[in-house]
Amino acid sequence: MEQPDSLRSFDRSERVSPCKRLARRARASSLGAVNRTDRLVAIVMYLQGRRVVRAEELAAHFETSVRTIYRDVAALSEAGVAIAGEAGVGYSLVKGYHLPPVMFSTEEAMALFVGGEMVRHFTDASVAAPMNTALAKIRSVLPVDRQDDVDRLAQGMAVEGSWRMPSTIDQRVLLPIQRAIVSRRVLRMTYRVRARDEDTKRDVEPLGVTFYGGAWYLVAWCRLREDFRHFKLERVRQLELLEDRFKPRPGFSLAKHIDENNARMETFPATVWFSEVVLERARRESYGGLGIERPARGGVEAEMRTFSYPWLARWIVSLGGEAEVIAPASLRAEVRAQAKRVLARHS
């Protein structure tokens, strides 16, 4: 299903399944025939993924009446779909009946690719290897032009570090940006600048999407600032995909840009002890890893580097008594201050 070029508001709490999206599109359409066709296909997809489904469950999922479900199932049976139904039990597809393979849209392929990248970076090899195989199979059935889109998206996406997974990935923000990257179209957006706590309007040339520090960022050439900028996706307020197209920037590589950007950022040393209880979590959540580790007191002392002592102090406090700052003294003081604020909050 095509995403609209203009994105005006984001309800981050809403997550809609593919079957329900088909049903909603059906209700939104002005053509009754298309309405029903979309819902009928969605019902078969829903049944194909389950053993037995009650009419009430279908009605709730597709946000329609039970009577409408009865009519839809009757229509599917008349059309030759092998549906078995038993009063008081529910509906199921007759064993051996399947829909023919469904072609992925560009947006669906992009969403699967993003999921594959996250799995590759945030899980172990036992999960990452099967995901790579599955993505290769999906890629093989895509038309050539969509394979080219996925290739261009792969060049414009980078997942850095191993800090933490994001709580949400809003595809209504991410997918239009991906479309802009593969088609080289200018994005017009309203962006919340945290330092000034105000919105600013920008026209940008999207060059890539990257994930680091637990958040998604758009890497783009900002026409207002005439320089490269990273825009945090959760601060995007409005987004519009323009018809204006831009030329590729000669020699630009997203991976090289990220490496150069990281090299310019100042980091600070810290020595922290972690108990065995939280060691794996610390390795997983620490951006860039724990550095040099030495066994100590039933755990390890790690020589770390951080972009921010205040942030590192908050993270260490979250580990409770299972972590201790050895050095520097200023970081120990910051941890004490953070802990006092927590204690005051709970007094």
Protein backbone atom coordinates (compact mmCIF):
# COMPACT_ATOMS: atom_id res chain seq x y z
CA MET A 1 0.00 0.00 0.00
CA GLU A 2 1.40 3.40 -0.98
CA GLN A 3 2.35 5.84 1.77
CA PRO A 4 1.14 9.43 1.28
CA ASP A 5 3.79 11.93 0.15
CA SER A 6 2.60 14.42 2.74
CA LEU A 7 2.87 13.48 6.39
CA ARG A 8 1.12 15.88 8.73
CA SER A 9 0.86 14.27 12.15
CA PHE A 10 2.17 11.17 13.87
CA ASP A 11 0.22 9.03 16.33
CA ARG A 12 3.10 7.01 17.74
CA SER A 13 0.81 4.77 19.76
CA GLU A 14 -0.90 3.25 16.71
CA ARG A 15 0.50 0.06 15.22
CA VAL A 16 -1.63 -1.61 12.52
CA SER A 17 -1.28 -5.15 11.16
CA PRO A 18 -1.19 -5.75 7.35
CA CYS A 19 -4.61 -7.41 7.43
CA LYS A 20 -6.14 -4.54 9.36
CA ARG A 21 -4.52 -2.02 7.00
CA LEU A 22 -6.28 -3.73 4.09
CA ALA A 23 -9.57 -3.58 5.95
CA ARG A 24 -9.16 0.11 6.78
CA ARG A 25 -8.24 0.91 3.21
CA ALA A 26 -11.33 -0.97 2.12
CA ARG A 27 -13.58 1.12 4.36
CA ALA A 28 -11.88 4.34 3.24
CA SER A 29 -12.35 3.62 -0.45
CA SER A 30 -15.27 5.18 -2.27
CA LEU A 31 -15.80 2.10 -4.48
CA GLY A 32 -17.88 -0.59 -2.83
CA ALA A 33 -16.39 -3.36 -5.00
CA VAL A 34 -12.86 -2.42 -3.98
CA ASN A 35 -14.04 -2.22 -0.37
CA ARG A 36 -15.13 -5.80 -0.34
CA THR A 37 -12.31 -7.16 -2.48
CA ASP A 38 -9.68 -5.81 -0.10
CA ARG A 39 -11.49 -7.21 2.92
CA LEU A 40 -12.03 -10.63 1.34
CA VAL A 41 -8.35 -10.98 0.46
CA ALA A 42 -7.41 -9.85 3.97
CA ILE A 43 -9.75 -12.44 5.52
CA VAL A 44 -8.12 -15.25 3.54
CA MET A 45 -4.66 -14.01 4.62
CA TYR A 46 -5.85 -13.94 8.23
CA LEU A 47 -7.25 -17.47 8.04
CA GLN A 48 -4.13 -18.77 6.32
CA GLY A 49 -2.03 -17.75 9.31
CA ARG A 50 -4.25 -19.44 11.92
CA ARG A 51 -5.80 -22.86 12.54
CA VAL A 52 -9.32 -21.85 13.64
CA VAL A 53 -10.86 -18.37 13.84
CA ARG A 54 -14.26 -17.45 15.26
CA ALA A 55 -16.50 -15.02 13.39
CA GLU A 56 -16.43 -12.68 16.39
CA GLU A 57 -12.62 -12.55 16.22
CA LEU A 58 -12.73 -11.69 12.51
CA ALA A 59 -15.34 -9.00 13.13
CA ALA A 60 -13.25 -7.44 15.89
CA HIS A 61 -10.05 -7.57 13.84
CA PHE A 62 -11.56 -6.02 10.72
CA GLU A 63 -13.78 -3.65 12.71
CA THR A 64 -17.02 -4.75 11.12
CA SER A 65 -20.12 -6.71 12.16
CA VAL A 66 -20.42 -10.46 12.60
CA ARG A 67 -23.22 -10.45 10.04
CA THR A 68 -20.85 -8.89 7.48
CA ILE A 69 -18.29 -11.61 8.22
CA TYR A 70 -20.93 -14.27 7.57
CA ARG A 71 -21.67 -12.70 4.18
CA ASP A 72 -17.97 -12.39 3.35
CA VAL A 73 -17.23 -16.02 4.19
CA ALA A 74 -20.21 -17.12 2.08
CA ALA A 75 -18.91 -15.04 -0.84
CA LEU A 76 -15.44 -16.57 -0.51
CA SER A 77 -16.89 -20.08 -0.48
CA GLU A 78 -18.93 -19.33 -3.60
CA ALA A 79 -15.73 -18.06 -5.27
CA GLY A 80 -13.99 -21.38 -4.64
CA VAL A 81 -12.00 -20.63 -1.50
CA ALA A 82 -11.96 -23.81 0.57
CA ILE A 83 -13.22 -22.60 3.95
CA ALA A 84 -14.48 -25.07 6.54
CA GLY A 85 -16.86 -23.79 9.21
CA GLU A 86 -18.36 -25.41 12.28
CA ALA A 87 -20.97 -23.81 14.55
CA GLY A 88 -19.51 -22.91 17.92
CA VAL A 89 -15.94 -23.60 16.76
CA GLY A 90 -15.04 -21.23 13.93
CA TYR A 91 -13.64 -21.05 10.42
CA SER A 92 -10.48 -22.54 8.96
CA LEU A 93 -8.96 -23.07 5.54
CA VAL A 94 -9.15 -26.64 4.29
CA LYS A 95 -5.75 -28.33 4.62
CA GLY A 96 -3.66 -27.84 1.50
CA TYR A 97 -5.35 -24.60 0.38
CA HIS A 98 -3.09 -21.56 0.10
CA LEU A 99 -3.14 -18.21 -1.60
CA PRO A 100 -0.63 -17.87 -4.43
CA PRO A 101 2.60 -16.02 -3.51
CA VAL A 102 2.00 -12.33 -2.78
CA MET A 103 4.37 -9.78 -4.35
CA PHE A 104 5.98 -7.38 -1.91
CA SER A 105 5.61 -3.65 -2.47
CA THR A 106 8.70 -1.43 -2.31
CA GLU A 107 7.62 -0.17 1.12
CA GLU A 108 7.13 -3.70 2.45
CA ALA A 109 10.53 -4.76 1.15
CA MET A 110 12.11 -1.70 2.78
CA ALA A 111 10.42 -2.45 6.11
CA LEU A 112 11.70 -6.05 5.99
CA PHE A 113 15.18 -4.83 5.14
CA VAL A 114 15.20 -2.46 8.12
CA GLY A 115 14.05 -5.27 10.39
CA GLY A 116 16.80 -7.50 9.02
CA GLU A 117 19.46 -4.89 9.71
CA MET A 118 18.28 -4.51 13.31
CA VAL A 119 18.27 -8.28 13.82
CA ARG A 120 21.78 -8.53 12.34
CA HIS A 121 23.17 -5.94 14.74
CA PHE A 122 21.22 -6.69 17.91
CA THR A 123 20.98 -10.48 18.03
CA ASP A 124 23.45 -13.34 17.97
CA ALA A 125 24.42 -15.41 14.95
CA SER A 126 21.75 -18.04 15.62
CA VAL A 127 19.08 -15.50 14.65
CA ALA A 128 21.02 -13.27 12.28
CA ALA A 129 22.00 -16.08 9.89
CA PRO A 130 18.42 -17.31 9.21
CA MET A 131 17.30 -13.69 8.81
CA ASN A 132 19.96 -13.09 6.14
CA THR A 133 18.80 -16.21 4.30
CA ALA A 134 15.15 -15.13 4.49
CA LEU A 135 15.99 -11.64 3.19
CA ALA A 136 17.93 -13.15 0.29
CA LYS A 137 14.85 -15.20 -0.68
CA ILE A 138 12.61 -12.13 -0.48
CA ARG A 139 15.08 -10.13 -2.57
CA SER A 140 15.13 -12.84 -5.26
CA VAL A 141 11.38 -12.55 -5.95
CA LEU A 142 11.38 -8.75 -6.24
CA PRO A 143 11.27 -7.11 -9.68
CA VAL A 144 14.59 -5.70 -10.86
CA ASP A 145 13.59 -2.07 -10.22
CA ARG A 146 12.64 -2.89 -6.61
CA GLN A 147 15.90 -4.77 -6.15
CA ASP A 148 17.66 -1.56 -7.23
CA ASP A 149 15.64 0.39 -4.63
CA VAL A 150 16.70 -2.03 -1.90
CA ASP A 151 20.35 -1.78 -3.03
CA ARG A 152 20.21 2.01 -2.84
CA LEU A 153 18.56 1.80 0.57
CA ALA A 154 21.32 -0.56 1.76
CA GLN A 155 23.91 2.04 0.80
CA GLY A 156 21.93 4.69 2.66
CA MET A 157 21.52 2.90 5.97
CA ALA A 158 23.95 2.37 8.84
CA VAL A 159 23.38 0.81 12.26
CA GLU A 160 26.10 1.76 14.71
CA GLY A 161 27.14 0.42 18.11
CA SER A 162 25.25 -2.00 20.33
CA TRP A 163 23.69 0.38 22.84
CA ARG A 164 20.01 -0.45 23.00
CA MET A 165 17.08 -1.13 20.77
CA PRO A 166 14.62 1.71 20.14
CA SER A 167 11.27 1.48 21.89
CA THR A 168 9.48 2.20 18.61
CA ILE A 169 10.27 2.62 14.93
CA ASP A 170 7.55 4.74 13.37
CA GLN A 171 7.28 3.47 9.80
CA ARG A 172 5.11 6.44 8.84
CA VAL A 173 8.17 8.58 9.41
CA LEU A 174 10.83 6.12 8.28
CA LEU A 175 9.24 4.90 5.04
CA PRO A 176 8.73 8.32 3.38
CA ILE A 177 12.36 9.12 4.23
CA GLN A 178 13.47 5.84 2.67
CA ARG A 179 11.43 6.62 -0.44
CA ALA A 180 13.12 10.01 -0.65
CA ILE A 181 16.55 8.36 -0.36
CA VAL A 182 15.98 5.82 -3.13
CA SER A 183 14.31 8.36 -5.47
CA ARG A 184 16.67 11.26 -4.54
CA ARG A 185 13.80 13.64 -3.80
CA VAL A 186 13.98 16.64 -1.49
CA LEU A 187 12.23 16.44 1.88
CA ARG A 188 10.54 19.46 3.45
CA MET A 189 10.13 19.07 7.18
CA THR A 190 9.30 20.86 10.39
CA TYR A 191 11.88 19.92 12.98
CA ARG A 192 11.93 20.51 16.72
CA VAL A 193 15.25 22.03 17.83
CA ARG A 194 15.68 20.96 21.44
CA ALA A 195 18.28 23.59 22.36
CA ARG A 196 15.86 26.41 21.52
CA ASP A 197 12.67 24.39 22.15
CA GLU A 198 11.17 25.65 18.91
CA ASP A 199 10.24 24.35 15.46
CA THR A 200 12.24 25.15 12.35
CA LYS A 201 11.42 24.45 8.70
CA ARG A 202 14.06 22.80 6.53
CA ASP A 203 14.44 21.56 2.97
CA VAL A 204 16.96 18.72 3.01
CA GLU A 205 18.55 16.28 0.60
CA PRO A 206 18.27 12.88 2.34
CA LEU A 207 21.45 10.84 2.05
CA GLY A 208 20.91 8.06 4.56
CA VAL A 209 19.32 6.79 7.75
CA THR A 210 21.40 5.70 10.70
CA PHE A 211 20.72 4.21 14.11
CA TYR A 212 23.01 4.97 17.04
CA GLY A 213 22.69 5.83 20.70
CA GLY A 214 19.26 4.18 20.85
CA ALA A 215 17.65 6.46 18.23
CA TRP A 216 17.13 6.84 14.47
CA TYR A 217 18.65 9.79 12.60
CA LEU A 218 18.28 11.18 9.09
CA VAL A 219 21.64 12.14 7.58
CA ALA A 220 21.01 14.89 5.05
CA TRP A 221 22.42 17.94 3.31
CA CYS A 222 20.57 20.86 4.87
CA ARG A 223 19.86 23.57 2.29
CA LEU A 224 19.28 26.10 5.07
CA ARG A 225 22.66 25.54 6.78
CA GLU A 226 24.46 24.42 3.60
CA ASP A 227 26.11 21.57 5.44
CA PHE A 228 25.56 17.96 6.53
CA ARG A 229 23.20 17.54 9.48
CA HIS A 230 21.81 14.67 11.56
CA PHE A 231 18.10 14.98 12.35
CA LYS A 232 16.63 12.83 15.12
CA LEU A 233 13.49 11.20 13.70
CA GLU A 234 11.48 11.51 16.90
CA ARG A 235 11.77 15.32 16.63
CA VAL A 236 10.28 15.45 13.12
CA ARG A 237 6.90 17.18 13.39
CA GLN A 238 5.84 17.46 9.74
CA LEU A 239 7.23 15.82 6.64
CA GLU A 240 6.56 16.33 2.94
CA LEU A 241 8.12 14.57 -0.01
CA LEU A 242 8.69 17.15 -2.77
CA GLU A 243 8.92 16.56 -6.52
CA ASP A 244 12.27 18.39 -6.58
CA ARG A 245 15.09 15.92 -7.20
CA PHE A 246 18.75 16.35 -6.27
CA LYS A 247 21.97 14.97 -7.76
CA PRO A 248 24.12 12.49 -5.82
CA ARG A 249 26.96 14.13 -3.90
CA PRO A 250 30.22 12.97 -5.51
CA GLY A 251 32.26 10.71 -3.28
CA PHE A 252 29.72 10.65 -0.44
CA SER A 253 29.62 7.41 1.56
CA LEU A 254 27.31 7.11 4.56
CA ALA A 255 29.66 4.70 6.35
CA LYS A 256 32.65 7.00 5.78
CA HIS A 257 30.63 10.02 6.90
CA ILE A 258 29.61 8.28 10.14
CA ASP A 259 33.22 7.26 10.85
CA GLU A 260 34.47 10.80 10.25
CA ASN A 261 31.70 12.25 12.40
CA ASN A 262 32.53 9.89 15.26
CA ALA A 263 36.24 10.74 14.97
CA ARG A 264 35.46 14.45 15.41
CA MET A 265 33.42 13.88 18.56
CA GLU A 266 35.35 14.24 21.82
CA THR A 267 35.25 11.26 24.18
CA PHE A 268 36.25 10.94 27.84
CA PRO A 269 37.88 8.01 29.70
CA ALA A 270 36.25 6.16 32.58
CA THR A 271 37.07 3.06 34.60
CA VAL A 272 34.00 1.20 35.84
CA TRP A 273 33.57 -2.07 37.74
CA PHE A 274 30.66 -4.33 36.76
CA SER A 275 29.51 -7.42 38.64
CA GLU A 276 28.83 -10.66 36.80
CA VAL A 277 25.10 -10.05 37.35
CA VAL A 278 24.99 -7.08 34.94
CA LEU A 279 28.06 -7.75 32.81
CA GLU A 280 26.24 -9.00 29.72
CA ARG A 281 23.73 -6.18 29.93
CA ALA A 282 26.59 -3.66 30.25
CA ARG A 283 28.32 -5.07 27.19
CA ARG A 284 25.06 -4.97 25.24
CA GLU A 285 24.02 -1.46 26.20
CA SER A 286 27.37 0.32 26.20
CA TYR A 287 27.88 2.24 22.96
CA GLY A 288 31.01 0.80 21.34
CA GLY A 289 31.46 -1.87 24.01
CA LEU A 290 33.26 -1.84 27.36
CA GLY A 291 36.77 -1.50 25.98
CA ILE A 292 39.58 -3.23 27.88
CA GLU A 293 38.24 -5.62 30.54
CA ARG A 294 40.18 -6.94 33.56
CA PRO A 295 38.82 -9.53 36.05
CA ALA A 296 38.21 -7.93 39.46
CA ARG A 297 36.10 -8.70 42.55
CA GLY A 298 33.97 -11.34 40.91
CA GLY A 299 33.32 -9.14 37.88
CA VAL A 300 35.37 -6.95 35.56
CA GLU A 301 36.90 -3.49 35.56
CA ALA A 302 36.39 -1.90 32.16
CA GLU A 303 38.39 0.91 30.56
CA MET A 304 35.59 2.76 28.77
CA ARG A 305 35.17 5.92 26.77
CA THR A 306 32.03 8.05 26.79
CA PHE A 307 30.67 11.07 24.98
CA SER A 308 29.09 12.39 28.19
CA TYR A 309 29.86 11.89 31.88
CA PRO A 310 26.33 12.95 32.97
CA TRP A 311 24.78 10.37 30.65
CA LEU A 312 27.20 7.66 31.81
CA ALA A 313 26.39 8.50 35.44
CA ARG A 314 22.64 8.08 34.82
CA TRP A 315 23.26 4.74 33.14
CA ILE A 316 25.47 3.50 35.98
CA VAL A 317 22.80 4.49 38.52
CA SER A 318 20.32 2.36 36.55
CA LEU A 319 22.53 -0.67 37.30
CA GLY A 320 22.05 -0.19 41.03
CA GLY A 321 24.72 -1.65 43.28
CA GLU A 322 26.09 -3.90 40.52
CA ALA A 323 28.39 -1.19 39.09
CA GLU A 324 30.93 1.21 40.61
CA VAL A 325 32.94 4.06 39.11
CA ILE A 326 36.66 3.67 39.86
CA ALA A 327 37.78 6.81 38.00
CA PRO A 328 37.64 9.70 37.42
CA ALA A 329 36.61 11.31 40.71
CA SER A 330 34.33 13.77 38.88
CA LEU A 331 32.29 10.87 37.49
CA ARG A 332 32.00 9.30 40.97
CA ALA A 333 30.69 12.66 42.23
CA GLU A 334 28.19 12.80 39.37
CA VAL A 335 26.92 9.29 40.20
CA ARG A 336 26.46 10.32 43.86
CA ALA A 337 24.52 13.41 42.76
CA GLN A 338 22.30 11.34 40.46
CA ALA A 339 21.68 8.77 43.21
CA LYS A 340 20.72 11.51 45.68
CA ARG A 341 18.14 12.82 43.20
CA VAL A 342 16.68 9.32 42.88
CA LEU A 343 16.58 8.96 46.65
CA ALA A 344 14.93 12.36 47.07
CA ARG A 345 12.30 11.39 44.53
CA HIS A 346 11.44 8.27 46.55
CA SER A 347 11.68 9.75 50.05
